[in-house]
């Protein structure tokens, strides 16, 4: 695993986190409106676009899973903890891909209250799970980077 892959993955995580924040804001505005008795509105225009942007970015992130797993395995100590977390991440990739497919299918459906409610529920679930997933990947990256670092790099905290 080279430094450019690590940097690309870190940038991808940061970009995904920003999109997650944006989707969180969208869902909060929708929930606040519903609680105040206003109509929920539709997932149209910018809201629909934001949901599709999230879906596309998550899809691109999940497409790098094989490279991520090989890189982590190559850089990590062969210990039970790393293998266990990596196995968990693999399972999450499958689950997230399935959930992502369902969300895209929902967003492609004709506009209406039923579609919008389904999209809101699916987005909420995906946002929460993706945040947890990214934290697990970050832990693996930290462990892999640390394991591959020289003693001097570990003391400085500058593994690459």
Protein backbone atom coordinates (compact mmCIF):
# COMPACT_ATOMS: atom_id res chain seq x y z
CA UNK A 1 0.00 0.00 0.00
CA UNK A 2 1.59 3.23 -1.02
CA UNK A 3 1.16 6.70 0.43
CA UNK A 4 -0.95 7.86 -2.52
CA UNK A 5 -3.51 5.10 -1.89
CA UNK A 6 -3.68 6.07 1.78
CA UNK A 7 -4.13 9.73 0.91
CA UNK A 8 -6.79 8.88 -1.67
CA UNK A 9 -8.68 6.81 0.88
CA UNK A 10 -8.39 9.54 3.52
CA UNK A 11 -9.69 12.13 1.04
CA UNK A 12 -12.51 9.78 0.08
CA UNK A 13 -13.45 9.37 3.74
CA UNK A 14 -13.39 13.14 4.27
CA UNK A 15 -15.54 13.73 1.19
CA UNK A 16 -18.00 11.03 2.24
CA UNK A 17 -18.17 12.54 5.75
CA UNK A 18 -19.05 15.94 4.27
CA UNK A 19 -21.80 14.38 2.16
CA UNK A 20 -23.06 12.49 5.23
CA UNK A 21 -23.28 15.81 7.10
CA UNK A 22 -25.22 17.30 4.19
CA UNK A 23 -27.66 14.37 4.08
CA UNK A 24 -28.03 14.58 7.88
CA UNK A 25 -29.01 18.24 7.49
CA UNK A 26 -31.52 17.35 4.78
CA UNK A 27 -33.09 14.62 6.95
CA UNK A 28 -33.19 16.90 10.01
CA UNK A 29 -34.99 19.64 8.06
CA UNK A 30 -37.48 17.07 6.80
CA UNK A 31 -38.09 15.65 10.30
CA UNK A 32 -38.38 19.14 11.82
CA UNK A 33 -40.96 20.09 9.21
CA UNK A 34 -42.96 16.93 9.85
CA UNK A 35 -42.87 17.52 13.63
CA UNK A 36 -44.16 21.07 13.07
CA UNK A 37 -47.08 19.69 11.07
CA UNK A 38 -45.82 20.81 7.68
CA UNK A 39 -45.93 18.59 4.65
CA UNK A 40 -42.78 16.53 4.27
CA UNK A 41 -42.02 17.82 0.83
CA UNK A 42 -40.57 15.64 -1.84
CA UNK A 43 -37.15 14.30 -2.59
CA UNK A 44 -36.98 16.46 -5.68
CA UNK A 45 -34.53 19.01 -6.96
CA UNK A 46 -31.51 19.54 -4.71
CA UNK A 47 -32.66 17.00 -2.10
CA UNK A 48 -32.95 14.29 -4.75
CA UNK A 49 -29.61 15.38 -6.19
CA UNK A 50 -27.94 15.25 -2.78
CA UNK A 51 -29.29 11.75 -2.16
CA UNK A 52 -28.03 10.63 -5.58
CA UNK A 53 -24.63 12.27 -4.96
CA UNK A 54 -24.38 10.35 -1.69
CA UNK A 55 -25.33 7.11 -3.46
CA UNK A 56 -22.76 7.67 -6.21
CA UNK A 57 -19.95 8.53 -3.77
CA UNK A 58 -20.74 5.55 -1.54
CA UNK A 59 -20.81 3.32 -4.63
CA UNK A 60 -17.39 4.61 -5.69
CA UNK A 61 -16.04 4.05 -2.18
CA UNK A 62 -17.34 0.48 -2.08
CA UNK A 63 -15.76 -0.17 -5.49
CA UNK A 64 -12.31 0.21 -3.86
CA UNK A 65 -12.97 -2.50 -1.28
CA UNK A 66 -10.71 -5.13 -2.85
CA UNK A 67 -7.78 -2.73 -3.06
CA UNK A 68 -8.44 -1.63 0.52
CA UNK A 69 -8.49 -5.21 1.83
CA UNK A 70 -5.31 -6.22 0.00
CA UNK A 71 -3.55 -3.08 1.22
CA UNK A 72 -4.59 -3.60 4.84
CA UNK A 73 -3.62 -7.27 4.78
CA UNK A 74 -0.23 -6.45 3.27
CA UNK A 75 0.58 -3.74 5.81
CA UNK A 76 -0.96 -5.19 8.98
CA UNK A 77 0.50 -7.62 11.42
CA UNK A 78 -1.12 -10.99 10.89
CA UNK A 79 -3.07 -10.89 14.14
CA UNK A 80 -6.52 -12.11 15.09
CA UNK A 81 -7.86 -8.62 15.80
CA UNK A 82 -6.95 -7.26 12.37
CA UNK A 83 -8.36 -10.35 10.66
CA UNK A 84 -11.57 -10.06 12.68
CA UNK A 85 -12.09 -6.36 11.91
CA UNK A 86 -11.23 -6.90 8.25
CA UNK A 87 -13.78 -9.73 8.08
CA UNK A 88 -16.37 -7.44 9.63
CA UNK A 89 -15.57 -4.70 7.10
CA UNK A 90 -15.99 -7.20 4.23
CA UNK A 91 -19.44 -8.14 5.52
CA UNK A 92 -20.34 -4.48 5.86
CA UNK A 93 -19.30 -3.82 2.26
CA UNK A 94 -21.78 -6.47 1.12
CA UNK A 95 -24.54 -5.11 3.35
CA UNK A 96 -23.92 -1.49 2.33
CA UNK A 97 -23.90 -2.45 -1.36
CA UNK A 98 -27.27 -4.15 -0.92
CA UNK A 99 -28.72 -1.18 0.96
CA UNK A 100 -27.31 1.20 -1.63
CA UNK A 101 -28.99 -0.75 -4.42
CA UNK A 102 -32.31 -0.56 -2.59
CA UNK A 103 -31.91 3.21 -2.08
CA UNK A 104 -31.12 3.83 -5.75
CA UNK A 105 -34.14 1.72 -6.72
CA UNK A 106 -36.32 3.80 -4.37
CA UNK A 107 -34.94 7.10 -5.68
CA UNK A 108 -35.62 5.95 -9.26
CA UNK A 109 -39.29 5.32 -8.45
CA UNK A 110 -41.91 7.91 -9.43
CA UNK A 111 -42.06 10.91 -7.09
CA UNK A 112 -44.58 10.74 -4.28
CA UNK A 113 -45.06 10.53 -0.53
CA UNK A 114 -44.44 6.78 -0.39
CA UNK A 115 -41.15 7.02 -2.30
CA UNK A 116 -40.02 10.00 -0.24
CA UNK A 117 -40.75 8.32 3.09
CA UNK A 118 -38.94 5.17 1.94
CA UNK A 119 -35.98 7.22 0.75
CA UNK A 120 -35.81 9.12 4.05
CA UNK A 121 -35.78 5.90 6.10
CA UNK A 122 -33.20 4.27 3.85
CA UNK A 123 -30.99 7.36 3.87
CA UNK A 124 -31.13 7.60 7.68
CA UNK A 125 -30.10 3.95 8.04
CA UNK A 126 -27.33 4.24 5.45
CA UNK A 127 -25.92 7.46 6.90
CA UNK A 128 -25.70 5.93 10.37
CA UNK A 129 -24.15 2.68 9.15
CA UNK A 130 -21.68 4.39 6.80
CA UNK A 131 -20.39 6.56 9.67
CA UNK A 132 -19.74 3.44 11.77
CA UNK A 133 -18.19 1.70 8.76
CA UNK A 134 -15.83 4.59 8.02
CA UNK A 135 -14.65 4.59 11.64
CA UNK A 136 -13.81 0.88 11.34
CA UNK A 137 -11.90 1.48 8.12
CA UNK A 138 -10.04 4.36 9.77
CA UNK A 139 -9.02 2.06 12.64
CA UNK A 140 -7.72 -0.50 10.14
CA UNK A 141 -5.83 2.20 8.25
CA UNK A 142 -4.25 3.46 11.45
CA UNK A 143 -3.26 -0.07 12.48
CA UNK A 144 -1.85 -0.88 9.04
CA UNK A 145 0.04 2.37 8.79
CA UNK A 146 1.43 1.97 12.28
CA UNK A 147 2.47 -1.65 11.67
CA UNK A 148 4.34 -0.69 8.52
CA UNK A 149 6.03 2.34 10.03
CA UNK A 150 9.62 2.37 11.04
CA UNK A 151 10.32 2.85 14.76
CA UNK A 152 11.35 6.47 14.05
CA UNK A 153 8.11 7.13 12.15
CA UNK A 154 6.05 5.61 14.99
CA UNK A 155 7.76 7.89 17.51
CA UNK A 156 7.01 10.91 15.32
CA UNK A 157 3.53 9.68 14.36
CA UNK A 158 4.33 10.01 10.64
CA UNK A 159 3.80 6.57 9.12
CA UNK A 160 3.17 6.49 5.38
